[in-house]
C-alpha cells in the first residue's frame, strides 16, 4: 500500500503518510488512490482542487463552509512548511471546539484529511509555502464562514512567536461561540 493512514485525536481527521520512491533522479509518489482512501474510511467524492501560495508569517483561517455546503479537505504542502490546524465545529461532537495541529511540508510530503464539520487554517513557517488541496463539495461564496484565529476559547497554539499576516476578512472573523450554530453540522 502506498499510504499509511494515521487517525488523529479528533474523530475522522486522518494524517496520510505517502510512500515515496526516491533515487538519484528524484522521487515518485501517489497523492491519491481512491481504493486505498475508501478502504481507510475516506469515502469523499472530491469535486474541486485548489492551490495557494503564501509568504512567511501568513495565517489563513479559520475557514469553513456553512451547511448545506460543508466541505471536507485533503491538504498537502508542496513547497515550504506550514502548521495546519483543524478545529472540530460539529455541534454534537464530544470534541466540539478542540483542535489538532500538524506540520505539513515539502520534505515530509504528508497530507491531512479533514472531514466536513471542521474549520481549517494554516500558518506559513518557511519563506513561502504552496498548498494544494482537494475539497468534497464546491466552494460557495454565500456559505463562506470563518472563526477568529486567536479565539481565546479555542486557545490554539499556532507555534509562532510573531504577529501573523492576515487578510482583512480573517482579522474580523467571529469567535466560535458567536457563530450561527444552525449553520454548523
Foldseek 3Di string as FASTA:
>chain_A
DQWDWADDPDPPKIKIQGRWAQDPVGIDTDPDDQVVCVVVPNNFDFDDKDKDKDFAQAKDFQKFFFPPQTKKKKKAWQAAKKWKKKAACAVPDPRHLEMDIDMHHNVRRMIMIGGTRIGIMMGGHDRMIMMMMTMRGDDDPVRMAGAAPPQVSSNDCRVDDDNGDYDPVNNDHHHSVPDDSNRGD
